[in-house]
Amino acid sequence: MTGVLQQGRRNGVEVSDIDAVLLVGGTVQIPAVKDWVRQ
């Protein structure tokens, strides 16, 4: 996540600019993974 957010900033996209985050696949159904994304 740190790597992809840093790449985004280099292209002018901050976390606050992201309108939506799409979770795909079975692993994102694990509650602990959902909690991690909410951080």
Full PDB file with SEQRES, HELIX, SHEET, SSBOND, CRYST1, ORIGX, SCALE, CONECT and MASTER records, all heavy atoms in Angstrom:
SEQRES   1 A   39  MET THR GLY VAL LEU GLN GLN GLY ARG ARG ASN GLY VAL          
SEQRES   2 A   39  GLU VAL SER ASP ILE ASP ALA VAL LEU LEU VAL GLY GLY          
SEQRES   3 A   39  THR VAL GLN ILE PRO ALA VAL LYS ASP TRP VAL ARG GLN          
HELIX    1 AA1 THR A    2  ARG A   10  1                                   9    
HELIX    2 AA2 VAL A   15  ASP A   17  5                                   3    
HELIX    3 AA3 GLY A   26  GLN A   29  5                                   4    
HELIX    4 AA4 PRO A   31  ARG A   38  1                                   8    
CRYST1    1.000    1.000    1.000  90.00  90.00  90.00 P 1           1          
ORIGX1      1.000000  0.000000  0.000000        0.00000                         
ORIGX2      0.000000  1.000000  0.000000        0.00000                         
ORIGX3      0.000000  0.000000  1.000000        0.00000                         
SCALE1      1.000000  0.000000  0.000000        0.00000                         
SCALE2      0.000000  1.000000  0.000000        0.00000                         
SCALE3      0.000000  0.000000  1.000000        0.00000                         
ATOM      1  N   MET A   1       0.834  -1.203   0.000  1.00  0.00           N  
ATOM      2  CA  MET A   1       0.000   0.000   0.000  1.00  0.00           C  
ATOM      3  C   MET A   1       0.869   1.254   0.000  1.00  0.00           C  
ATOM      4  O   MET A   1       0.581   2.228  -0.720  1.00  0.00           O  
ATOM      5  CB  MET A   1      -0.925  -0.002   1.215  1.00  0.00           C  
ATOM      6  CG  MET A   1      -1.845   1.216   1.286  1.00  0.00           C  
ATOM      7  SD  MET A   1      -3.039   1.285  -0.075  1.00  0.00           S  
ATOM      8  CE  MET A   1      -4.229   0.064   0.493  1.00  0.00           C  
ATOM      9  N   THR A   2       1.946   1.249   0.786  1.00  0.00           N  
ATOM     10  CA  THR A   2       2.853   2.399   0.810  1.00  0.00           C  
ATOM     11  C   THR A   2       3.432   2.658  -0.574  1.00  0.00           C  
ATOM     12  O   THR A   2       3.489   3.795  -1.038  1.00  0.00           O  
ATOM     13  CB  THR A   2       4.002   2.155   1.809  1.00  0.00           C  
ATOM     14  OG1 THR A   2       3.448   1.992   3.125  1.00  0.00           O  
ATOM     15  CG2 THR A   2       4.970   3.328   1.811  1.00  0.00           C  
ATOM     16  N   GLY A   3       3.818   1.578  -1.253  1.00  0.00           N  
ATOM     17  CA  GLY A   3       4.391   1.724  -2.585  1.00  0.00           C  
ATOM     18  C   GLY A   3       3.410   2.300  -3.597  1.00  0.00           C  
ATOM     19  O   GLY A   3       3.741   3.200  -4.361  1.00  0.00           O  
ATOM     20  N   VAL A   4       2.173   1.802  -3.573  1.00  0.00           N  
ATOM     21  CA  VAL A   4       1.210   2.266  -4.569  1.00  0.00           C  
ATOM     22  C   VAL A   4       0.758   3.700  -4.275  1.00  0.00           C  
ATOM     23  O   VAL A   4       0.541   4.493  -5.208  1.00  0.00           O  
ATOM     24  CB  VAL A   4       0.011   1.294  -4.657  1.00  0.00           C  
ATOM     25  CG1 VAL A   4      -0.978   1.494  -3.521  1.00  0.00           C  
ATOM     26  CG2 VAL A   4      -0.710   1.431  -5.995  1.00  0.00           C  
ATOM     27  N   LEU A   5       0.654   4.078  -3.013  1.00  0.00           N  
ATOM     28  CA  LEU A   5       0.274   5.451  -2.679  1.00  0.00           C  
ATOM     29  C   LEU A   5       1.384   6.437  -3.038  1.00  0.00           C  
ATOM     30  O   LEU A   5       1.120   7.564  -3.481  1.00  0.00           O  
ATOM     31  CB  LEU A   5      -0.080   5.561  -1.199  1.00  0.00           C  
ATOM     32  CG  LEU A   5      -1.356   4.833  -0.752  1.00  0.00           C  
ATOM     33  CD1 LEU A   5      -1.579   5.007   0.742  1.00  0.00           C  
ATOM     34  CD2 LEU A   5      -2.560   5.317  -1.538  1.00  0.00           C  
ATOM     35  N   GLN A   6       2.629   6.010  -2.867  1.00  0.00           N  
ATOM     36  CA  GLN A   6       3.751   6.864  -3.267  1.00  0.00           C  
ATOM     37  C   GLN A   6       3.771   7.078  -4.776  1.00  0.00           C  
ATOM     38  O   GLN A   6       4.011   8.191  -5.258  1.00  0.00           O  
ATOM     39  CB  GLN A   6       5.070   6.248  -2.798  1.00  0.00           C  
ATOM     40  CG  GLN A   6       5.305   6.356  -1.301  1.00  0.00           C  
ATOM     41  CD  GLN A   6       6.574   5.650  -0.856  1.00  0.00           C  
ATOM     42  OE1 GLN A   6       7.145   4.846  -1.607  1.00  0.00           O  
ATOM     43  NE2 GLN A   6       7.025   5.929   0.359  1.00  0.00           N  
ATOM     44  N   GLN A   7       3.497   6.006  -5.534  1.00  0.00           N  
ATOM     45  CA  GLN A   7       3.411   6.151  -6.991  1.00  0.00           C  
ATOM     46  C   GLN A   7       2.292   7.112  -7.369  1.00  0.00           C  
ATOM     47  O   GLN A   7       2.434   7.931  -8.289  1.00  0.00           O  
ATOM     48  CB  GLN A   7       3.162   4.793  -7.646  1.00  0.00           C  
ATOM     49  CG  GLN A   7       4.311   3.807  -7.528  1.00  0.00           C  
ATOM     50  CD  GLN A   7       3.938   2.467  -8.121  1.00  0.00           C  
ATOM     51  OE1 GLN A   7       3.472   2.383  -9.253  1.00  0.00           O  
ATOM     52  NE2 GLN A   7       4.122   1.405  -7.345  1.00  0.00           N  
ATOM     53  N   GLY A   8       1.157   6.994  -6.672  1.00  0.00           N  
ATOM     54  CA  GLY A   8       0.043   7.877  -6.946  1.00  0.00           C  
ATOM     55  C   GLY A   8       0.394   9.334  -6.709  1.00  0.00           C  
ATOM     56  O   GLY A   8       0.052  10.213  -7.511  1.00  0.00           O  
ATOM     57  N   ARG A   9       1.092   9.607  -5.605  1.00  0.00           N  
ATOM     58  CA  ARG A   9       1.484  10.991  -5.304  1.00  0.00           C  
ATOM     59  C   ARG A   9       2.414  11.541  -6.378  1.00  0.00           C  
ATOM     60  O   ARG A   9       2.332  12.717  -6.738  1.00  0.00           O  
ATOM     61  CB  ARG A   9       2.162  11.055  -3.930  1.00  0.00           C  
ATOM     62  CG  ARG A   9       1.215  10.788  -2.771  1.00  0.00           C  
ATOM     63  CD  ARG A   9       1.880  11.064  -1.433  1.00  0.00           C  
ATOM     64  NE  ARG A   9       1.021  10.657  -0.330  1.00  0.00           N  
ATOM     65  CZ  ARG A   9       1.136   9.500   0.312  1.00  0.00           C  
ATOM     66  NH1 ARG A   9       2.090   8.647  -0.032  1.00  0.00           N  
ATOM     67  NH2 ARG A   9       0.318   9.196   1.296  1.00  0.00           N  
ATOM     68  N   ARG A  10       3.315  10.694  -6.887  1.00  0.00           N  
ATOM     69  CA  ARG A  10       4.209  11.157  -7.948  1.00  0.00           C  
ATOM     70  C   ARG A  10       3.435  11.524  -9.214  1.00  0.00           C  
ATOM     71  O   ARG A  10       3.909  12.304 -10.038  1.00  0.00           O  
ATOM     72  CB  ARG A  10       5.259  10.083  -8.263  1.00  0.00           C  
ATOM     73  CG  ARG A  10       6.332   9.951  -7.190  1.00  0.00           C  
ATOM     74  CD  ARG A  10       7.524   9.185  -7.704  1.00  0.00           C  
ATOM     75  NE  ARG A  10       7.229   7.793  -7.992  1.00  0.00           N  
ATOM     76  CZ  ARG A  10       7.364   6.804  -7.107  1.00  0.00           C  
ATOM     77  NH1 ARG A  10       7.782   7.068  -5.878  1.00  0.00           N  
ATOM     78  NH2 ARG A  10       7.080   5.555  -7.455  1.00  0.00           N  
ATOM     79  N   ASN A  11       2.243  10.950  -9.375  1.00  0.00           N  
ATOM     80  CA  ASN A  11       1.395  11.268 -10.514  1.00  0.00           C  
ATOM     81  C   ASN A  11       0.304  12.275 -10.158  1.00  0.00           C  
ATOM     82  O   ASN A  11      -0.665  12.443 -10.898  1.00  0.00           O  
ATOM     83  CB  ASN A  11       0.751   9.993 -11.069  1.00  0.00           C  
ATOM     84  CG  ASN A  11       1.725   9.159 -11.886  1.00  0.00           C  
ATOM     85  OD1 ASN A  11       2.096   9.519 -12.992  1.00  0.00           O  
ATOM     86  ND2 ASN A  11       2.157   8.046 -11.315  1.00  0.00           N  
ATOM     87  N   GLY A  12       0.465  12.936  -8.988  1.00  0.00           N  
ATOM     88  CA  GLY A  12      -0.456  14.002  -8.611  1.00  0.00           C  
ATOM     89  C   GLY A  12      -1.739  13.559  -7.958  1.00  0.00           C  
ATOM     90  O   GLY A  12      -2.705  14.328  -7.899  1.00  0.00           O  
ATOM     91  N   VAL A  13      -1.794  12.316  -7.447  1.00  0.00           N  
ATOM     92  CA  VAL A  13      -3.006  11.801  -6.814  1.00  0.00           C  
ATOM     93  C   VAL A  13      -2.737  11.534  -5.341  1.00  0.00           C  
ATOM     94  O   VAL A  13      -1.934  10.662  -4.990  1.00  0.00           O  
ATOM     95  CB  VAL A  13      -3.496  10.504  -7.494  1.00  0.00           C  
ATOM     96  CG1 VAL A  13      -4.748   9.977  -6.791  1.00  0.00           C  
ATOM     97  CG2 VAL A  13      -3.783  10.747  -8.966  1.00  0.00           C  
ATOM     98  N   GLU A  14      -3.415  12.295  -4.466  1.00  0.00           N  
ATOM     99  CA  GLU A  14      -3.322  12.081  -3.030  1.00  0.00           C  
ATOM    100  C   GLU A  14      -4.438  11.142  -2.583  1.00  0.00           C  
ATOM    101  O   GLU A  14      -5.398  10.887  -3.326  1.00  0.00           O  
ATOM    102  CB  GLU A  14      -3.430  13.413  -2.289  1.00  0.00           C  
ATOM    103  CG  GLU A  14      -2.327  14.411  -2.602  1.00  0.00           C  
ATOM    104  CD  GLU A  14      -0.975  13.985  -2.037  1.00  0.00           C  
ATOM    105  OE1 GLU A  14      -0.956  13.143  -1.127  1.00  0.00           O  
ATOM    106  OE2 GLU A  14       0.048  14.499  -2.528  1.00  0.00           O  
ATOM    107  N   VAL A  15      -4.329  10.618  -1.363  1.00  0.00           N  
ATOM    108  CA  VAL A  15      -5.361   9.729  -0.835  1.00  0.00           C  
ATOM    109  C   VAL A  15      -6.711  10.423  -0.832  1.00  0.00           C  
ATOM    110  O   VAL A  15      -7.750   9.817  -1.143  1.00  0.00           O  
ATOM    111  CB  VAL A  15      -4.987   9.254   0.588  1.00  0.00           C  
ATOM    112  CG1 VAL A  15      -6.132   8.452   1.208  1.00  0.00           C  
ATOM    113  CG2 VAL A  15      -3.715   8.415   0.557  1.00  0.00           C  
ATOM    114  N   SER A  16      -6.726  11.712  -0.524  1.00  0.00           N  
ATOM    115  CA  SER A  16      -7.974  12.471  -0.479  1.00  0.00           C  
ATOM    116  C   SER A  16      -8.616  12.617  -1.857  1.00  0.00           C  
ATOM    117  O   SER A  16      -9.821  12.902  -1.964  1.00  0.00           O  
ATOM    118  CB  SER A  16      -7.726  13.852   0.123  1.00  0.00           C  
ATOM    119  OG  SER A  16      -6.755  14.565  -0.631  1.00  0.00           O  
ATOM    120  N   ASP A  17      -7.848  12.431  -2.926  1.00  0.00           N  
ATOM    121  CA  ASP A  17      -8.382  12.544  -4.283  1.00  0.00           C  
ATOM    122  C   ASP A  17      -9.090  11.271  -4.743  1.00  0.00           C  
ATOM    123  O   ASP A  17      -9.781  11.282  -5.766  1.00  0.00           O  
ATOM    124  CB  ASP A  17      -7.250  12.861  -5.270  1.00  0.00           C  
ATOM    125  CG  ASP A  17      -6.580  14.194  -4.980  1.00  0.00           C  
ATOM    126  OD1 ASP A  17      -7.294  15.133  -4.580  1.00  0.00           O  
ATOM    127  OD2 ASP A  17      -5.349  14.293  -5.145  1.00  0.00           O  
ATOM    128  N   ILE A  18      -8.897  10.173  -4.017  1.00  0.00           N  
ATOM    129  CA  ILE A  18      -9.476   8.884  -4.415  1.00  0.00           C  
ATOM    130  C   ILE A  18     -10.945   8.853  -4.014  1.00  0.00           C  
ATOM    131  O   ILE A  18     -11.291   8.993  -2.841  1.00  0.00           O  
ATOM    132  CB  ILE A  18      -8.708   7.721  -3.771  1.00  0.00           C  
ATOM    133  CG1 ILE A  18      -7.256   7.736  -4.259  1.00  0.00           C  
ATOM    134  CG2 ILE A  18      -9.363   6.386  -4.094  1.00  0.00           C  
ATOM    135  CD1 ILE A  18      -6.363   6.724  -3.572  1.00  0.00           C  
ATOM    136  N   ASP A  19     -11.821   8.670  -4.990  1.00  0.00           N  
ATOM    137  CA  ASP A  19     -13.268   8.697  -4.742  1.00  0.00           C  
ATOM    138  C   ASP A  19     -13.812   7.351  -4.281  1.00  0.00           C  
ATOM    139  O   ASP A  19     -14.808   7.294  -3.559  1.00  0.00           O  
ATOM    140  CB  ASP A  19     -14.018   9.134  -6.008  1.00  0.00           C  
ATOM    141  CG  ASP A  19     -13.668  10.558  -6.415  1.00  0.00           C  
ATOM    142  OD1 ASP A  19     -13.484  11.385  -5.500  1.00  0.00           O  
ATOM    143  OD2 ASP A  19     -13.567  10.831  -7.626  1.00  0.00           O  
ATOM    144  N   ALA A  20     -13.211   6.256  -4.744  1.00  0.00           N  
ATOM    145  CA  ALA A  20     -13.738   4.937  -4.394  1.00  0.00           C  
ATOM    146  C   ALA A  20     -12.625   3.906  -4.409  1.00  0.00           C  
ATOM    147  O   ALA A  20     -11.668   4.011  -5.180  1.00  0.00           O  
ATOM    148  CB  ALA A  20     -14.840   4.530  -5.369  1.00  0.00           C  
ATOM    149  N   VAL A  21     -12.755   2.913  -3.543  1.00  0.00           N  
ATOM    150  CA  VAL A  21     -11.814   1.792  -3.457  1.00  0.00           C  
ATOM    151  C   VAL A  21     -12.627   0.516  -3.636  1.00  0.00           C  
ATOM    152  O   VAL A  21     -13.529   0.225  -2.847  1.00  0.00           O  
ATOM    153  CB  VAL A  21     -11.092   1.772  -2.100  1.00  0.00           C  
ATOM    154  CG1 VAL A  21     -10.167   0.560  -2.001  1.00  0.00           C  
ATOM    155  CG2 VAL A  21     -10.311   3.060  -1.893  1.00  0.00           C  
ATOM    156  N   LEU A  22     -12.318  -0.239  -4.693  1.00  0.00           N  
ATOM    157  CA  LEU A  22     -13.070  -1.448  -5.017  1.00  0.00           C  
ATOM    158  C   LEU A  22     -12.306  -2.674  -4.523  1.00  0.00           C  
ATOM    159  O   LEU A  22     -11.164  -2.903  -4.924  1.00  0.00           O  
ATOM    160  CB  LEU A  22     -13.286  -1.536  -6.532  1.00  0.00           C  
ATOM    161  CG  LEU A  22     -14.033  -2.758  -7.047  1.00  0.00           C  
ATOM    162  CD1 LEU A  22     -15.461  -2.785  -6.515  1.00  0.00           C  
ATOM    163  CD2 LEU A  22     -14.023  -2.783  -8.578  1.00  0.00           C  
ATOM    164  N   LEU A  23     -12.933  -3.460  -3.669  1.00  0.00           N  
ATOM    165  CA  LEU A  23     -12.326  -4.680  -3.142  1.00  0.00           C  
ATOM    166  C   LEU A  23     -12.821  -5.878  -3.947  1.00  0.00           C  
ATOM    167  O   LEU A  23     -14.016  -6.046  -4.140  1.00  0.00           O  
ATOM    168  CB  LEU A  23     -12.684  -4.867  -1.669  1.00  0.00           C  
ATOM    169  CG  LEU A  23     -12.340  -3.715  -0.722  1.00  0.00           C  
ATOM    170  CD1 LEU A  23     -12.664  -4.103   0.713  1.00  0.00           C  
ATOM    171  CD2 LEU A  23     -10.868  -3.329  -0.845  1.00  0.00           C  
ATOM    172  N   VAL A  24     -11.878  -6.707  -4.421  1.00  0.00           N  
ATOM    173  CA  VAL A  24     -12.251  -7.865  -5.236  1.00  0.00           C  
ATOM    174  C   VAL A  24     -11.572  -9.114  -4.699  1.00  0.00           C  
ATOM    175  O   VAL A  24     -10.499  -9.057  -4.109  1.00  0.00           O  
ATOM    176  CB  VAL A  24     -11.881  -7.659  -6.720  1.00  0.00           C  
ATOM    177  CG1 VAL A  24     -12.621  -6.476  -7.298  1.00  0.00           C  
ATOM    178  CG2 VAL A  24     -10.382  -7.482  -6.901  1.00  0.00           C  
ATOM    179  N   GLY A  25     -12.215 -10.263  -4.914  1.00  0.00           N  
ATOM    180  CA  GLY A  25     -11.646 -11.535  -4.495  1.00  0.00           C  
ATOM    181  C   GLY A  25     -12.137 -11.979  -3.129  1.00  0.00           C  
ATOM    182  O   GLY A  25     -12.684 -11.199  -2.344  1.00  0.00           O  
ATOM    183  N   GLY A  26     -11.926 -13.260  -2.840  1.00  0.00           N  
ATOM    184  CA  GLY A  26     -12.440 -13.823  -1.599  1.00  0.00           C  
ATOM    185  C   GLY A  26     -11.743 -13.335  -0.351  1.00  0.00           C  
ATOM    186  O   GLY A  26     -12.369 -13.201   0.711  1.00  0.00           O  
ATOM    187  N   THR A  27     -10.441 -13.035  -0.432  1.00  0.00           N  
ATOM    188  CA  THR A  27      -9.688 -12.646   0.756  1.00  0.00           C  
ATOM    189  C   THR A  27     -10.209 -11.349   1.373  1.00  0.00           C  
ATOM    190  O   THR A  27     -10.107 -11.148   2.579  1.00  0.00           O  
ATOM    191  CB  THR A  27      -8.189 -12.512   0.411  1.00  0.00           C  
ATOM    192  OG1 THR A  27      -7.720 -13.760  -0.111  1.00  0.00           O  
ATOM    193  CG2 THR A  27      -7.363 -12.165   1.635  1.00  0.00           C  
ATOM    194  N   VAL A  28     -10.785 -10.466   0.559  1.00  0.00           N  
ATOM    195  CA  VAL A  28     -11.289  -9.194   1.095  1.00  0.00           C  
ATOM    196  C   VAL A  28     -12.524  -9.403   1.954  1.00  0.00           C  
ATOM    197  O   VAL A  28     -12.999  -8.459   2.606  1.00  0.00           O  
ATOM    198  CB  VAL A  28     -11.609  -8.189  -0.036  1.00  0.00           C  
ATOM    199  CG1 VAL A  28     -10.371  -7.914  -0.862  1.00  0.00           C  
ATOM    200  CG2 VAL A  28     -12.749  -8.686  -0.933  1.00  0.00           C  
ATOM    201  N   GLN A  29     -13.068 -10.633   1.989  1.00  0.00           N  
ATOM    202  CA  GLN A  29     -14.212 -10.922   2.850  1.00  0.00           C  
ATOM    203  C   GLN A  29     -13.796 -11.167   4.295  1.00  0.00           C  
ATOM    204  O   GLN A  29     -14.636 -11.183   5.200  1.00  0.00           O  
ATOM    205  CB  GLN A  29     -14.965 -12.153   2.325  1.00  0.00           C  
ATOM    206  CG  GLN A  29     -15.570 -11.966   0.949  1.00  0.00           C  
ATOM    207  CD  GLN A  29     -16.630 -10.873   0.950  1.00  0.00           C  
ATOM    208  OE1 GLN A  29     -17.719 -11.038   1.489  1.00  0.00           O  
ATOM    209  NE2 GLN A  29     -16.316  -9.747   0.340  1.00  0.00           N  
ATOM    210  N   ILE A  30     -12.497 -11.363   4.538  1.00  0.00           N  
ATOM    211  CA  ILE A  30     -12.006 -11.572   5.900  1.00  0.00           C  
ATOM    212  C   ILE A  30     -12.135 -10.261   6.671  1.00  0.00           C  
ATOM    213  O   ILE A  30     -11.616  -9.226   6.232  1.00  0.00           O  
ATOM    214  CB  ILE A  30     -10.537 -12.038   5.878  1.00  0.00           C  
ATOM    215  CG1 ILE A  30     -10.420 -13.380   5.139  1.00  0.00           C  
ATOM    216  CG2 ILE A  30      -9.979 -12.157   7.293  1.00  0.00           C  
ATOM    217  CD1 ILE A  30      -8.991 -13.856   4.960  1.00  0.00           C  
ATOM    218  N   PRO A  31     -12.829 -10.244   7.802  1.00  0.00           N  
ATOM    219  CA  PRO A  31     -13.046  -8.995   8.552  1.00  0.00           C  
ATOM    220  C   PRO A  31     -11.748  -8.261   8.890  1.00  0.00           C  
ATOM    221  O   PRO A  31     -11.704  -7.033   8.831  1.00  0.00           O  
ATOM    222  CB  PRO A  31     -13.758  -9.465   9.811  1.00  0.00           C  
ATOM    223  CG  PRO A  31     -14.500 -10.692   9.379  1.00  0.00           C  
ATOM    224  CD  PRO A  31     -13.595 -11.367   8.388  1.00  0.00           C  
ATOM    225  N   ALA A  32     -10.690  -8.978   9.227  1.00  0.00           N  
ATOM    226  CA  ALA A  32      -9.432  -8.325   9.572  1.00  0.00           C  
ATOM    227  C   ALA A  32      -8.837  -7.603   8.370  1.00  0.00           C  
ATOM    228  O   ALA A  32      -8.189  -6.559   8.521  1.00  0.00           O  
ATOM    229  CB  ALA A  32      -8.432  -9.357  10.112  1.00  0.00           C  
ATOM    230  N   VAL A  33      -9.062  -8.138   7.167  1.00  0.00           N  
ATOM    231  CA  VAL A  33      -8.576  -7.474   5.954  1.00  0.00           C  
ATOM    232  C   VAL A  33      -9.382  -6.205   5.703  1.00  0.00           C  
ATOM    233  O   VAL A  33      -8.832  -5.163   5.320  1.00  0.00           O  
ATOM    234  CB  VAL A  33      -8.649  -8.432   4.750  1.00  0.00           C  
ATOM    235  CG1 VAL A  33      -8.282  -7.704   3.457  1.00  0.00           C  
ATOM    236  CG2 VAL A  33      -7.720  -9.629   4.959  1.00  0.00           C  
ATOM    237  N   LYS A  34     -10.686  -6.272   5.911  1.00  0.00           N  
ATOM    238  CA  LYS A  34     -11.526  -5.074   5.772  1.00  0.00           C  
ATOM    239  C   LYS A  34     -11.080  -3.986   6.754  1.00  0.00           C  
ATOM    240  O   LYS A  34     -11.010  -2.810   6.400  1.00  0.00           O  
ATOM    241  CB  LYS A  34     -12.990  -5.425   6.010  1.00  0.00           C  
ATOM    242  CG  LYS A  34     -13.598  -6.354   4.981  1.00  0.00           C  
ATOM    243  CD  LYS A  34     -15.057  -6.628   5.300  1.00  0.00           C  
ATOM    244  CE  LYS A  34     -15.680  -7.588   4.299  1.00  0.00           C  
ATOM    245  NZ  LYS A  34     -17.106  -7.853   4.611  1.00  0.00           N  
ATOM    246  N   ASP A  35     -10.785  -4.399   7.981  1.00  0.00           N  
ATOM    247  CA  ASP A  35     -10.315  -3.424   8.986  1.00  0.00           C  
ATOM    248  C   ASP A  35      -8.993  -2.799   8.554  1.00  0.00           C  
ATOM    249  O   ASP A  35      -8.765  -1.603   8.778  1.00  0.00           O  
ATOM    250  CB  ASP A  35     -10.145  -4.112  10.346  1.00  0.00           C  
ATOM    251  CG  ASP A  35     -11.480  -4.523  10.957  1.00  0.00           C  
ATOM    252  OD1 ASP A  35     -12.514  -3.962  10.557  1.00  0.00           O  
ATOM    253  OD2 ASP A  35     -11.469  -5.412  11.836  1.00  0.00           O  
ATOM    254  N   TRP A  36      -8.144  -3.612   7.947  1.00  0.00           N  
ATOM    255  CA  TRP A  36      -6.860  -3.081   7.482  1.00  0.00           C  
ATOM    256  C   TRP A  36      -7.059  -2.020   6.407  1.00  0.00           C  
ATOM    257  O   TRP A  36      -6.413  -0.971   6.422  1.00  0.00           O  
ATOM    258  CB  TRP A  36      -5.993  -4.226   6.937  1.00  0.00           C  
ATOM    259  CG  TRP A  36      -4.733  -3.747   6.300  1.00  0.00           C  
ATOM    260  CD1 TRP A  36      -3.562  -3.416   6.919  1.00  0.00           C  
ATOM    261  CD2 TRP A  36      -4.521  -3.508   4.909  1.00  0.00           C  
ATOM    262  NE1 TRP A  36      -2.633  -2.983   5.998  1.00  0.00           N  
ATOM    263  CE2 TRP A  36      -3.199  -3.031   4.754  1.00  0.00           C  
ATOM    264  CE3 TRP A  36      -5.321  -3.658   3.771  1.00  0.00           C  
ATOM    265  CZ2 TRP A  36      -2.665  -2.708   3.510  1.00  0.00           C  
ATOM    266  CZ3 TRP A  36      -4.791  -3.332   2.532  1.00  0.00           C  
ATOM    267  CH2 TRP A  36      -3.472  -2.867   2.419  1.00  0.00           C  
ATOM    268  N   VAL A  37      -7.971  -2.261   5.476  1.00  0.00           N  
ATOM    269  CA  VAL A  37      -8.231  -1.294   4.400  1.00  0.00           C  
ATOM    270  C   VAL A  37      -8.754   0.017   4.983  1.00  0.00           C  
ATOM    271  O   VAL A  37      -8.400   1.108   4.514  1.00  0.00           O  
ATOM    272  CB  VAL A  37      -9.241  -1.870   3.387  1.00  0.00           C  
ATOM    273  CG1 VAL A  37      -9.577  -0.828   2.310  1.00  0.00           C  
ATOM    274  CG2 VAL A  37      -8.699  -3.128   2.732  1.00  0.00           C  
ATOM    275  N   ARG A  38      -9.573  -0.073   6.035  1.00  0.00           N  
ATOM    276  CA  ARG A  38     -10.159   1.133   6.637  1.00  0.00           C  
ATOM    277  C   ARG A  38      -9.114   2.005   7.331  1.00  0.00           C  
ATOM    278  O   ARG A  38      -9.384   3.156   7.650  1.00  0.00           O  
ATOM    279  CB  ARG A  38     -11.256   0.735   7.622  1.00  0.00           C  
ATOM    280  CG  ARG A  38     -12.467   0.071   6.956  1.00  0.00           C  
ATOM    281  CD  ARG A  38     -13.610  -0.136   7.942  1.00  0.00           C  
ATOM    282  NE  ARG A  38     -14.685  -0.909   7.346  1.00  0.00           N  
ATOM    283  CZ  ARG A  38     -14.885  -2.211   7.559  1.00  0.00           C  
ATOM    284  NH1 ARG A  38     -14.076  -2.876   8.390  1.00  0.00           N  
ATOM    285  NH2 ARG A  38     -15.885  -2.850   6.971  1.00  0.00           N  
ATOM    286  N   GLN A  39      -7.930   1.461   7.570  1.00  0.00           N  
ATOM    287  CA  GLN A  39      -6.861   2.284   8.128  1.00  0.00           C  
ATOM    288  C   GLN A  39      -6.363   3.313   7.110  1.00  0.00           C  
ATOM    289  O   GLN A  39      -5.800   4.333   7.486  1.00  0.00           O  
ATOM    290  CB  GLN A  39      -5.680   1.400   8.558  1.00  0.00           C  
ATOM    291  CG  GLN A  39      -6.003   0.445   9.692  1.00  0.00           C  
ATOM    292  CD  GLN A  39      -4.821  -0.464  10.013  1.00  0.00           C  
ATOM    293  OE1 GLN A  39      -3.779  -0.395   9.378  1.00  0.00           O  
ATOM    294  NE2 GLN A  39      -4.988  -1.299  11.016  1.00  0.00           N  
TER     295      GLN A  39                                                      
MASTER        0    0    0    4    0    0    0    6  294    1    0    3          
END                                                                             
